[in-house]
Amino acid sequence: MQHTFFILAAWLSLPLAATAGEPQDRAPLAPEVLRELETKWKAAVKVDSDDPDFPVVELSFSNCHAPEVTDDVLARLKVFPRLRKLTINSEAVSDEGLRRLRELPELRTLTLIRVPVTADGAGTLKGLSRLQKLTLFRVEISRTALKELREALPRTTVDWRER
């Protein structure tokens, strides 16, 4: 009886489980943001089905609605801290949107298509030291900035295709 009481007391003291594999403080927003990403921006979403919480691990904004993806949309991605792969195809993303990527601690693969990358934006990308792969497609960036980016991210494969 005493053992059962202890287990029940311990169980009741646990915080409620987070939704969609997200920390509890972000959990209420995660389903709302996910619905918005899937319906308004037609984002391709992948969850980790091996995890009982089904966290969002991949997002791709590379369809016909992608040009509407802005810094505000990227700011909302922080509710998916286990996001590992992100594709953005939008000229409406600025340096501020790129800075928001620092809020994604598990991000390992980033593909930017037609995203304007300024010197400040390149500086932000240099700070994403956990990236394993960075692909820049149709992104205007100087060869010097590209070289500096590769030097700043020695463990990251940096691919750049102008056209």
C-alpha atoms as a PDB file:
ATOM      1  CA  MET A   1       0.000   0.000   0.000  1.00  0.00           C
ATOM      2  CA  GLN A   2       2.764   2.410   0.920  1.00  0.00           C
ATOM      3  CA  HIS A   3       4.618   1.515  -2.323  1.00  0.00           C
ATOM      4  CA  THR A   4       1.480   2.169  -4.407  1.00  0.00           C
ATOM      5  CA  PHE A   5       0.929   5.503  -2.679  1.00  0.00           C
ATOM      6  CA  PHE A   6       4.515   6.570  -3.451  1.00  0.00           C
ATOM      7  CA  ILE A   7       4.144   5.687  -7.136  1.00  0.00           C
ATOM      8  CA  LEU A   8       0.819   7.515  -7.360  1.00  0.00           C
ATOM      9  CA  ALA A   9       2.246  10.586  -5.600  1.00  0.00           C
ATOM     10  CA  ALA A  10       5.289  10.590  -7.885  1.00  0.00           C
ATOM     11  CA  TRP A  11       3.125  10.184 -10.962  1.00  0.00           C
ATOM     12  CA  LEU A  12       0.815  13.038  -9.925  1.00  0.00           C
ATOM     13  CA  SER A  13       3.786  15.330  -9.363  1.00  0.00           C
ATOM     14  CA  LEU A  14       5.006  14.915 -12.927  1.00  0.00           C
ATOM     15  CA  PRO A  15       4.230  17.741 -15.370  1.00  0.00           C
ATOM     16  CA  LEU A  16       1.700  17.040 -18.054  1.00  0.00           C
ATOM     17  CA  ALA A  17       3.264  15.525 -21.162  1.00  0.00           C
ATOM     18  CA  ALA A  18       4.077  17.920 -23.969  1.00  0.00           C
ATOM     19  CA  THR A  19       2.189  17.649 -27.218  1.00  0.00           C
ATOM     20  CA  ALA A  20       3.968  16.553 -30.389  1.00  0.00           C
ATOM     21  CA  GLY A  21       7.284  15.965 -28.601  1.00  0.00           C
ATOM     22  CA  GLU A  22       7.775  19.573 -27.639  1.00  0.00           C
ATOM     23  CA  PRO A  23       8.716  20.997 -24.235  1.00  0.00           C
ATOM     24  CA  GLN A  24       5.712  21.672 -22.025  1.00  0.00           C
ATOM     25  CA  ASP A  25       5.934  25.474 -22.261  1.00  0.00           C
ATOM     26  CA  ARG A  26       5.745  25.290 -26.061  1.00  0.00           C
ATOM     27  CA  ALA A  27       3.311  22.371 -26.251  1.00  0.00           C
ATOM     28  CA  PRO A  28       0.033  24.325 -26.481  1.00  0.00           C
ATOM     29  CA  LEU A  29       1.214  26.185 -29.571  1.00  0.00           C
ATOM     30  CA  ALA A  30       2.765  23.252 -31.433  1.00  0.00           C
ATOM     31  CA  PRO A  31      -0.472  21.735 -32.840  1.00  0.00           C
ATOM     32  CA  GLU A  32      -1.782  25.179 -33.820  1.00  0.00           C
ATOM     33  CA  VAL A  33       1.436  26.101 -35.614  1.00  0.00           C
ATOM     34  CA  LEU A  34       1.593  22.691 -37.282  1.00  0.00           C
ATOM     35  CA  ARG A  35      -1.958  23.050 -38.655  1.00  0.00           C
ATOM     36  CA  GLU A  36      -1.125  26.507 -39.964  1.00  0.00           C
ATOM     37  CA  LEU A  37       2.072  25.316 -41.647  1.00  0.00           C
ATOM     38  CA  GLU A  38       0.284  22.434 -43.319  1.00  0.00           C
ATOM     39  CA  THR A  39      -2.807  24.357 -44.437  1.00  0.00           C
ATOM     40  CA  LYS A  40      -1.731  27.928 -45.140  1.00  0.00           C
ATOM     41  CA  TRP A  41       1.775  27.287 -46.456  1.00  0.00           C
ATOM     42  CA  LYS A  42       1.316  23.668 -47.565  1.00  0.00           C
ATOM     43  CA  ALA A  43       4.547  22.769 -45.796  1.00  0.00           C
ATOM     44  CA  ALA A  44       5.704  19.179 -46.093  1.00  0.00           C
ATOM     45  CA  VAL A  45       5.997  17.882 -42.529  1.00  0.00           C
ATOM     46  CA  LYS A  46       7.661  14.761 -41.204  1.00  0.00           C
ATOM     47  CA  VAL A  47       7.357  13.524 -37.652  1.00  0.00           C
ATOM     48  CA  ASP A  48       9.465  10.940 -35.875  1.00  0.00           C
ATOM     49  CA  SER A  49       7.036   8.019 -35.737  1.00  0.00           C
ATOM     50  CA  ASP A  50       9.463   6.012 -33.578  1.00  0.00           C
ATOM     51  CA  ASP A  51       9.090   8.563 -30.790  1.00  0.00           C
ATOM     52  CA  PRO A  52       5.852   8.233 -28.785  1.00  0.00           C
ATOM     53  CA  ASP A  53       5.449  12.031 -28.797  1.00  0.00           C
ATOM     54  CA  PHE A  54       5.699  12.237 -32.625  1.00  0.00           C
ATOM     55  CA  PRO A  55       7.907  15.352 -32.683  1.00  0.00           C
ATOM     56  CA  VAL A  56       8.204  17.372 -35.886  1.00  0.00           C
ATOM     57  CA  VAL A  57      11.681  16.641 -37.263  1.00  0.00           C
ATOM     58  CA  GLU A  58      11.465  17.864 -40.886  1.00  0.00           C
ATOM     59  CA  LEU A  59       9.773  20.823 -42.541  1.00  0.00           C
ATOM     60  CA  SER A  60       9.904  21.913 -46.154  1.00  0.00           C
ATOM     61  CA  PHE A  61       8.620  25.189 -47.533  1.00  0.00           C
ATOM     62  CA  SER A  62       9.415  24.497 -51.162  1.00  0.00           C
ATOM     63  CA  ASN A  63       6.036  24.538 -52.900  1.00  0.00           C
ATOM     64  CA  CYS A  64       3.919  27.187 -54.584  1.00  0.00           C
ATOM     65  CA  HIS A  65       3.086  28.853 -51.236  1.00  0.00           C
ATOM     66  CA  ALA A  66       6.715  29.020 -50.180  1.00  0.00           C
ATOM     67  CA  PRO A  67       7.276  32.590 -51.453  1.00  0.00           C
ATOM     68  CA  GLU A  68       4.797  33.727 -48.788  1.00  0.00           C
ATOM     69  CA  VAL A  69       7.012  32.336 -46.014  1.00  0.00           C
ATOM     70  CA  THR A  70       8.388  35.266 -44.036  1.00  0.00           C
ATOM     71  CA  ASP A  71      10.437  35.970 -40.938  1.00  0.00           C
ATOM     72  CA  ASP A  72       7.230  35.757 -38.886  1.00  0.00           C
ATOM     73  CA  VAL A  73       6.658  32.189 -40.055  1.00  0.00           C
ATOM     74  CA  LEU A  74      10.215  31.210 -39.146  1.00  0.00           C
ATOM     75  CA  ALA A  75       9.775  32.813 -35.720  1.00  0.00           C
ATOM     76  CA  ARG A  76       6.961  30.348 -35.022  1.00  0.00           C
ATOM     77  CA  LEU A  77       9.197  27.308 -35.651  1.00  0.00           C
ATOM     78  CA  LYS A  78      10.696  27.535 -32.165  1.00  0.00           C
ATOM     79  CA  VAL A  79       7.775  25.383 -30.971  1.00  0.00           C
ATOM     80  CA  PHE A  80       9.527  22.491 -32.742  1.00  0.00           C
ATOM     81  CA  PRO A  81      12.859  22.283 -30.879  1.00  0.00           C
ATOM     82  CA  ARG A  82      13.540  18.796 -32.276  1.00  0.00           C
ATOM     83  CA  LEU A  83      13.372  20.016 -35.875  1.00  0.00           C
ATOM     84  CA  ARG A  84      16.395  18.503 -37.643  1.00  0.00           C
ATOM     85  CA  LYS A  85      15.816  19.302 -41.317  1.00  0.00           C
ATOM     86  CA  LEU A  86      14.460  22.514 -42.811  1.00  0.00           C
ATOM     87  CA  THR A  87      14.016  23.678 -46.409  1.00  0.00           C
ATOM     88  CA  ILE A  88      13.086  27.289 -47.144  1.00  0.00           C
ATOM     89  CA  ASN A  89      12.304  28.557 -50.656  1.00  0.00           C
ATOM     90  CA  SER A  90      11.376  32.195 -50.211  1.00  0.00           C
ATOM     91  CA  GLU A  91      12.715  35.589 -51.144  1.00  0.00           C
ATOM     92  CA  ALA A  92      10.640  37.075 -48.307  1.00  0.00           C
ATOM     93  CA  VAL A  93      13.006  35.843 -45.585  1.00  0.00           C
ATOM     94  CA  SER A  94      15.484  38.389 -44.254  1.00  0.00           C
ATOM     95  CA  ASP A  95      18.420  38.333 -41.864  1.00  0.00           C
ATOM     96  CA  GLU A  96      15.927  38.451 -38.983  1.00  0.00           C
ATOM     97  CA  GLY A  97      14.349  35.201 -40.179  1.00  0.00           C
ATOM     98  CA  LEU A  98      17.758  33.566 -40.460  1.00  0.00           C
ATOM     99  CA  ARG A  99      18.532  34.658 -36.883  1.00  0.00           C
ATOM    100  CA  ARG A 100      15.421  32.744 -35.768  1.00  0.00           C
ATOM    101  CA  LEU A 101      17.089  29.521 -36.892  1.00  0.00           C
ATOM    102  CA  ARG A 102      19.321  29.779 -33.816  1.00  0.00           C
ATOM    103  CA  GLU A 103      16.217  28.828 -31.793  1.00  0.00           C
ATOM    104  CA  LEU A 104      16.291  25.340 -33.350  1.00  0.00           C
ATOM    105  CA  PRO A 105      18.925  23.465 -31.314  1.00  0.00           C
ATOM    106  CA  GLU A 106      18.572  20.150 -33.192  1.00  0.00           C
ATOM    107  CA  LEU A 107      18.766  21.617 -36.718  1.00  0.00           C
ATOM    108  CA  ARG A 108      21.281  19.553 -38.698  1.00  0.00           C
ATOM    109  CA  THR A 109      20.289  20.049 -42.356  1.00  0.00           C
ATOM    110  CA  LEU A 110      19.342  23.416 -43.808  1.00  0.00           C
ATOM    111  CA  THR A 111      18.476  24.123 -47.438  1.00  0.00           C
ATOM    112  CA  LEU A 112      17.981  27.711 -48.532  1.00  0.00           C
ATOM    113  CA  ILE A 113      16.535  28.342 -52.003  1.00  0.00           C
ATOM    114  CA  ARG A 114      16.369  31.916 -53.303  1.00  0.00           C
ATOM    115  CA  VAL A 115      16.739  33.274 -49.754  1.00  0.00           C
ATOM    116  CA  PRO A 116      18.559  36.624 -49.754  1.00  0.00           C
ATOM    117  CA  VAL A 117      21.686  36.115 -47.659  1.00  0.00           C
ATOM    118  CA  THR A 118      23.450  39.359 -46.726  1.00  0.00           C
ATOM    119  CA  ALA A 119      26.738  39.653 -44.841  1.00  0.00           C
ATOM    120  CA  ASP A 120      24.724  39.663 -41.582  1.00  0.00           C
ATOM    121  CA  GLY A 121      22.796  36.585 -42.709  1.00  0.00           C
ATOM    122  CA  ALA A 122      26.047  34.808 -43.553  1.00  0.00           C
ATOM    123  CA  GLY A 123      27.256  35.684 -40.061  1.00  0.00           C
ATOM    124  CA  THR A 124      24.160  34.050 -38.604  1.00  0.00           C
ATOM    125  CA  LEU A 125      24.714  30.926 -40.686  1.00  0.00           C
ATOM    126  CA  LYS A 126      28.305  30.756 -39.414  1.00  0.00           C
ATOM    127  CA  GLY A 127      26.894  30.487 -35.903  1.00  0.00           C
ATOM    128  CA  LEU A 128      24.872  27.350 -36.712  1.00  0.00           C
ATOM    129  CA  SER A 129      27.761  25.103 -35.725  1.00  0.00           C
ATOM    130  CA  ARG A 130      25.609  21.991 -35.268  1.00  0.00           C
ATOM    131  CA  LEU A 131      24.668  21.903 -38.937  1.00  0.00           C
ATOM    132  CA  GLN A 132      25.910  18.859 -40.795  1.00  0.00           C
ATOM    133  CA  LYS A 133      24.731  20.016 -44.209  1.00  0.00           C
ATOM    134  CA  LEU A 134      23.980  23.469 -45.589  1.00  0.00           C
ATOM    135  CA  THR A 135      22.712  23.784 -49.151  1.00  0.00           C
ATOM    136  CA  LEU A 136      22.453  27.168 -50.824  1.00  0.00           C
ATOM    137  CA  PHE A 137      20.583  27.043 -54.142  1.00  0.00           C
ATOM    138  CA  ARG A 138      20.017  30.149 -56.223  1.00  0.00           C
ATOM    139  CA  VAL A 139      21.351  32.199 -53.314  1.00  0.00           C
ATOM    140  CA  GLU A 140      23.488  35.169 -54.231  1.00  0.00           C
ATOM    141  CA  ILE A 141      26.550  35.061 -52.049  1.00  0.00           C
ATOM    142  CA  SER A 142      30.075  36.206 -52.826  1.00  0.00           C
ATOM    143  CA  ARG A 143      32.797  33.617 -53.219  1.00  0.00           C
ATOM    144  CA  THR A 144      34.638  35.265 -50.335  1.00  0.00           C
ATOM    145  CA  ALA A 145      31.598  34.983 -48.068  1.00  0.00           C
ATOM    146  CA  LEU A 146      31.122  31.368 -49.162  1.00  0.00           C
ATOM    147  CA  LYS A 147      34.753  30.593 -48.354  1.00  0.00           C
ATOM    148  CA  GLU A 148      34.400  32.233 -44.928  1.00  0.00           C
ATOM    149  CA  LEU A 149      31.224  30.238 -44.322  1.00  0.00           C
ATOM    150  CA  ARG A 150      32.982  26.970 -45.124  1.00  0.00           C
ATOM    151  CA  GLU A 151      35.896  27.895 -42.862  1.00  0.00           C
ATOM    152  CA  ALA A 152      33.558  28.825 -40.004  1.00  0.00           C
ATOM    153  CA  LEU A 153      31.687  25.504 -40.352  1.00  0.00           C
ATOM    154  CA  PRO A 154      34.472  22.941 -40.874  1.00  0.00           C
ATOM    155  CA  ARG A 155      32.265  19.967 -39.899  1.00  0.00           C
ATOM    156  CA  THR A 156      29.459  21.075 -42.193  1.00  0.00           C
ATOM    157  CA  THR A 157      29.128  20.126 -45.851  1.00  0.00           C
ATOM    158  CA  VAL A 158      28.342  23.407 -47.586  1.00  0.00           C
ATOM    159  CA  ASP A 159      26.906  23.071 -51.092  1.00  0.00           C
ATOM    160  CA  TRP A 160      26.306  26.107 -53.250  1.00  0.00           C
ATOM    161  CA  ARG A 161      24.653  26.144 -56.630  1.00  0.00           C
ATOM    162  CA  GLU A 162      24.178  29.471 -58.305  1.00  0.00           C
ATOM    163  CA  ARG A 163      21.518  28.355 -60.795  1.00  0.00           C
END
